[in-house]
């Protein structure tokens, strides 16, 4: 069938060349014809009339239809037989051969295409799983990297909170800052200065109420915070000045050291 189509088209092409015409040049469609409507509609009607799918039917991973499968099988063979032939010539020959097929033959190609499409759909989940499995290590590495950055920031934040809590809740042995070497602010200095007094007062209150016991750290900090909120602006400024003096002393010590 394909050989007959090749011979017919070759004879037709030779005849047109004798007339000085390009056998593969597109002829303008008559007004009101299907071809004209196809040109006006962007080629969709022409593709449907020729048995070909519309634009994009073979793209996006979709399975080919009967016409596309027929074209793929025969165009490659034609190009192999005549490597010098242009692709559009091979397509024209294959399209003519397709139109010459009987309905039964077209139906067989359509069934082959459906079987090929079913096989493609069965392979698709496996391919997707394979791609997902290949992407897992990279995704895990990205999550690990993001988690490491977040963990580092969280760790630094927690470390800072522990440092602040240590300097504000229990004070520091150096008297010039927290355990991390940072100078105390006014609030931290207030807590360090008054912690023992507040703790003793809580312990006495607990002893009177429940028969003994020292003030807990959390209770001391809560009581100190409440007392700080009750301070006037002048008292807060006094602690701020003391904290600034200690900061300057610490800076001088660092420069001397």
Protein backbone atom coordinates (compact mmCIF):
# COMPACT_ATOMS: atom_id res chain seq x y z
CA UNK A 1 0.00 0.00 0.00
CA UNK A 2 2.77 2.42 0.90
CA UNK A 3 4.72 1.51 -2.25
CA UNK A 4 1.63 2.22 -4.37
CA UNK A 5 1.23 5.59 -2.71
CA UNK A 6 4.88 6.39 -3.36
CA UNK A 7 4.55 5.50 -7.05
CA UNK A 8 1.35 7.48 -7.47
CA UNK A 9 2.77 10.55 -5.79
CA UNK A 10 6.04 10.28 -7.73
CA UNK A 11 4.14 10.25 -11.02
CA UNK A 12 1.99 13.15 -9.91
CA UNK A 13 5.05 15.12 -8.79
CA UNK A 14 6.77 14.53 -12.14
CA UNK A 15 3.69 15.75 -14.00
CA UNK A 16 3.47 18.91 -11.90
CA UNK A 17 7.17 19.64 -12.37
CA UNK A 18 6.73 19.46 -16.17
CA UNK A 19 4.06 22.12 -15.75
CA UNK A 20 6.53 24.26 -13.80
CA UNK A 21 4.69 23.81 -10.52
CA UNK A 22 6.00 22.75 -7.14
CA UNK A 23 4.27 19.45 -6.36
CA UNK A 24 4.53 20.09 -2.64
CA UNK A 25 3.51 23.73 -2.59
CA UNK A 26 0.42 24.43 -0.54
CA UNK A 27 -2.57 25.32 -2.68
CA UNK A 28 -4.94 28.02 -1.47
CA UNK A 29 -8.24 26.55 -0.37
CA UNK A 30 -11.48 27.59 -2.01
CA UNK A 31 -13.65 29.94 -0.04
CA UNK A 32 -16.20 28.07 2.05
CA UNK A 33 -14.40 24.74 1.75
CA UNK A 34 -13.20 22.60 4.63
CA UNK A 35 -9.65 23.61 3.87
CA UNK A 36 -10.49 27.29 4.15
CA UNK A 37 -12.21 26.70 7.45
CA UNK A 38 -9.20 24.74 8.61
CA UNK A 39 -6.84 27.58 7.69
CA UNK A 40 -9.11 30.05 9.44
CA UNK A 41 -9.28 27.84 12.52
CA UNK A 42 -5.53 27.48 12.83
CA UNK A 43 -5.25 24.12 11.07
CA UNK A 44 -7.46 22.11 13.45
CA UNK A 45 -10.20 21.34 10.92
CA UNK A 46 -7.63 20.41 8.29
CA UNK A 47 -5.94 18.04 10.67
CA UNK A 48 -9.25 16.44 11.56
CA UNK A 49 -10.26 16.08 7.90
CA UNK A 50 -6.95 14.38 7.09
CA UNK A 51 -7.31 12.03 10.03
CA UNK A 52 -4.54 13.77 11.93
CA UNK A 53 -4.95 15.06 15.46
CA UNK A 54 -5.09 18.73 16.29
CA UNK A 55 -2.05 20.66 17.52
CA UNK A 56 -0.63 19.25 20.71
CA UNK A 57 -2.39 15.90 20.52
CA UNK A 58 0.89 14.05 20.51
CA UNK A 59 2.55 16.30 23.06
CA UNK A 60 2.49 16.38 26.78
CA UNK A 61 3.21 12.66 27.08
CA UNK A 62 -0.07 11.60 25.44
CA UNK A 63 -0.28 8.31 23.57
CA UNK A 64 -0.38 8.55 19.74
CA UNK A 65 -3.56 7.86 17.80
CA UNK A 66 -3.82 5.55 14.80
CA UNK A 67 -2.75 8.16 12.25
CA UNK A 68 0.24 9.26 14.30
CA UNK A 69 1.34 5.68 14.81
CA UNK A 70 1.04 5.02 11.07
CA UNK A 71 3.04 8.16 10.26
CA UNK A 72 5.78 7.31 12.72
CA UNK A 73 6.13 3.77 11.41
CA UNK A 74 6.26 4.72 7.73
CA UNK A 75 7.91 8.14 7.67
CA UNK A 76 11.10 6.75 9.19
CA UNK A 77 11.16 3.99 6.58
CA UNK A 78 10.73 6.48 3.75
CA UNK A 79 13.47 8.73 5.08
CA UNK A 80 15.77 5.72 5.40
CA UNK A 81 15.10 4.75 1.78
CA UNK A 82 15.73 8.27 0.53
CA UNK A 83 17.88 10.28 3.00
CA UNK A 84 17.92 13.26 0.61
CA UNK A 85 14.14 13.58 0.72
CA UNK A 86 12.70 16.45 2.69
CA UNK A 87 10.58 15.72 5.72
CA UNK A 88 7.54 17.48 4.26
CA UNK A 89 7.74 15.22 1.19
CA UNK A 90 7.80 12.12 3.36
CA UNK A 91 4.88 13.44 5.38
CA UNK A 92 2.90 14.10 2.21
CA UNK A 93 3.52 10.57 0.96
CA UNK A 94 2.55 9.00 4.27
CA UNK A 95 -0.57 11.17 4.52
CA UNK A 96 -1.64 10.07 1.04
CA UNK A 97 -1.02 6.45 1.97
CA UNK A 98 -3.15 6.89 5.08
CA UNK A 99 -6.03 8.32 3.09
CA UNK A 100 -5.80 5.34 0.74
CA UNK A 101 -6.24 2.86 3.57
CA UNK A 102 -9.56 1.12 4.05
CA UNK A 103 -11.57 1.71 7.18
CA UNK A 104 -10.63 -1.75 8.46
CA UNK A 105 -6.93 -0.99 8.06
CA UNK A 106 -7.33 2.36 9.78
CA UNK A 107 -9.19 0.62 12.59
CA UNK A 108 -6.31 -1.82 13.04
CA UNK A 109 -3.88 1.06 13.39
CA UNK A 110 -6.23 2.70 15.88
CA UNK A 111 -6.34 -0.49 17.94
CA UNK A 112 -2.55 -0.71 17.88
CA UNK A 113 -2.39 2.88 19.07
CA UNK A 114 -4.81 2.15 21.93
CA UNK A 115 -2.69 -0.81 23.01
CA UNK A 116 0.42 1.34 22.86
CA UNK A 117 -1.34 4.00 24.90
CA UNK A 118 -2.38 1.46 27.53
CA UNK A 119 1.19 0.22 27.81
CA UNK A 120 2.40 3.80 28.11
CA UNK A 121 -0.06 4.50 30.91
CA UNK A 122 1.03 1.35 32.74
CA UNK A 123 4.64 2.43 32.47
CA UNK A 124 3.92 5.96 33.61
CA UNK A 125 3.37 5.18 37.33
CA UNK A 126 6.58 3.17 37.42
CA UNK A 127 8.46 6.01 35.75
CA UNK A 128 6.97 8.50 38.17
CA UNK A 129 7.93 6.31 41.11
CA UNK A 130 11.45 6.01 39.71
CA UNK A 131 11.76 9.78 39.36
CA UNK A 132 10.35 10.30 42.85
CA UNK A 133 12.81 7.79 44.30
CA UNK A 134 15.66 9.53 42.52
CA UNK A 135 14.50 12.89 43.86
CA UNK A 136 14.23 11.69 47.48
CA UNK A 137 17.96 11.93 48.32
CA UNK A 138 18.13 15.48 47.00
CA UNK A 139 14.96 16.45 48.85
CA UNK A 140 16.25 14.85 52.05
CA UNK A 141 19.55 16.68 51.69
CA UNK A 142 17.70 19.97 51.16
CA UNK A 143 15.53 19.36 54.23
CA UNK A 144 18.61 18.44 56.25
CA UNK A 145 20.39 21.58 55.13
CA UNK A 146 17.34 23.71 55.93
CA UNK A 147 16.93 21.95 59.27
CA UNK A 148 20.59 22.46 60.07
CA UNK A 149 20.29 26.17 59.40
CA UNK A 150 17.12 26.41 61.42
CA UNK A 151 18.61 24.27 64.16
CA UNK A 152 21.65 26.49 64.27
CA UNK A 153 19.52 29.57 64.58
CA UNK A 154 17.32 27.90 67.15
CA UNK A 155 20.35 26.68 69.04
CA UNK A 156 21.81 30.15 69.05
CA UNK A 157 18.52 31.58 70.25
CA UNK A 158 18.25 28.97 73.00
CA UNK A 159 21.86 29.60 73.96
CA UNK A 160 21.16 33.30 74.15
CA UNK A 161 18.08 32.68 76.29
CA UNK A 162 20.05 30.39 78.58
CA UNK A 163 22.78 33.01 78.82
CA UNK A 164 20.28 35.73 79.61
CA UNK A 165 18.50 33.52 82.11
CA UNK A 166 21.77 32.62 83.75
CA UNK A 167 22.88 36.21 84.02
CA UNK A 168 19.49 37.48 85.13
CA UNK A 169 18.34 34.61 87.29
CA UNK A 170 21.43 33.43 89.08
CA UNK A 171 23.96 36.14 88.30
CA UNK A 172 27.58 35.61 87.33
CA UNK A 173 30.67 35.14 89.38
CA UNK A 174 32.57 37.82 87.45
CA UNK A 175 30.11 40.56 88.36
CA UNK A 176 30.67 42.24 85.00
CA UNK A 177 28.38 40.26 82.72
CA UNK A 178 26.84 36.94 81.90
CA UNK A 179 28.69 33.68 81.46
CA UNK A 180 29.05 34.42 77.74
CA UNK A 181 31.08 37.56 78.53
CA UNK A 182 28.34 39.97 77.50
CA UNK A 183 27.72 42.91 79.81
CA UNK A 184 24.55 42.94 81.88
CA UNK A 185 21.76 45.31 81.00
CA UNK A 186 19.86 47.32 83.59
CA UNK A 187 17.21 44.65 84.18
CA UNK A 188 19.77 41.86 84.53
CA UNK A 189 21.82 43.96 86.92
CA UNK A 190 18.71 44.64 89.00
CA UNK A 191 18.00 40.91 89.27
CA UNK A 192 21.60 40.05 90.17
CA UNK A 193 21.68 42.75 92.81
CA UNK A 194 18.35 41.84 94.42
CA UNK A 195 18.11 38.10 93.79
CA UNK A 196 19.27 37.02 97.24
CA UNK A 197 16.95 39.50 98.98
CA UNK A 198 13.95 38.44 96.92
CA UNK A 199 14.78 34.74 97.37
CA UNK A 200 15.07 35.18 101.12
CA UNK A 201 11.71 36.96 101.23
CA UNK A 202 10.05 34.16 99.24
CA UNK A 203 11.64 31.52 101.45
CA UNK A 204 10.37 33.26 104.57
CA UNK A 205 6.88 33.53 103.11
CA UNK A 206 6.95 29.86 102.10
CA UNK A 207 8.18 28.83 105.55
CA UNK A 208 5.40 30.75 107.22
CA UNK A 209 2.78 29.30 104.90
CA UNK A 210 3.93 25.70 104.47
CA UNK A 211 6.46 25.02 107.17
CA UNK A 212 9.74 25.75 105.41
CA UNK A 213 11.41 25.67 102.01
CA UNK A 214 13.53 28.02 99.97
CA UNK A 215 12.24 30.21 97.21
CA UNK A 216 12.32 28.48 93.80
CA UNK A 217 14.23 30.02 90.91
CA UNK A 218 11.09 30.53 88.84
CA UNK A 219 9.36 32.24 91.74
CA UNK A 220 12.38 34.47 92.31
CA UNK A 221 12.45 35.59 88.69
CA UNK A 222 8.71 36.20 88.62
CA UNK A 223 8.90 38.23 91.83
CA UNK A 224 11.91 40.17 90.53
CA UNK A 225 10.10 40.92 87.26
CA UNK A 226 7.07 42.19 89.15
CA UNK A 227 9.28 44.35 91.35
CA UNK A 228 11.11 45.72 88.30
CA UNK A 229 7.83 46.70 86.68
CA UNK A 230 6.97 48.60 89.87
CA UNK A 231 10.17 50.66 89.85
CA UNK A 232 10.08 54.32 88.96
CA UNK A 233 11.94 55.79 86.02
CA UNK A 234 14.67 57.24 88.24
CA UNK A 235 15.41 53.87 89.85
CA UNK A 236 15.54 52.14 86.49
CA UNK A 237 17.88 54.85 85.21
CA UNK A 238 20.20 54.24 88.17
CA UNK A 239 20.53 50.58 87.21
CA UNK A 240 21.02 51.59 83.59
CA UNK A 241 23.88 53.90 84.60
CA UNK A 242 25.49 51.13 86.68
CA UNK A 243 25.17 48.71 83.75
CA UNK A 244 26.81 51.27 81.44
CA UNK A 245 29.69 51.74 83.89
CA UNK A 246 30.25 47.99 84.10
CA UNK A 247 30.18 47.77 80.32
CA UNK A 248 32.87 50.46 80.05
CA UNK A 249 34.98 48.70 82.67
CA UNK A 250 34.65 45.43 80.78
CA UNK A 251 35.70 47.12 77.53
CA UNK A 252 38.75 48.65 79.22
CA UNK A 253 39.69 45.28 80.69
CA UNK A 254 39.39 43.71 77.26
CA UNK A 255 41.60 46.42 75.73
CA UNK A 256 44.22 46.02 78.47
CA UNK A 257 44.16 42.24 78.16
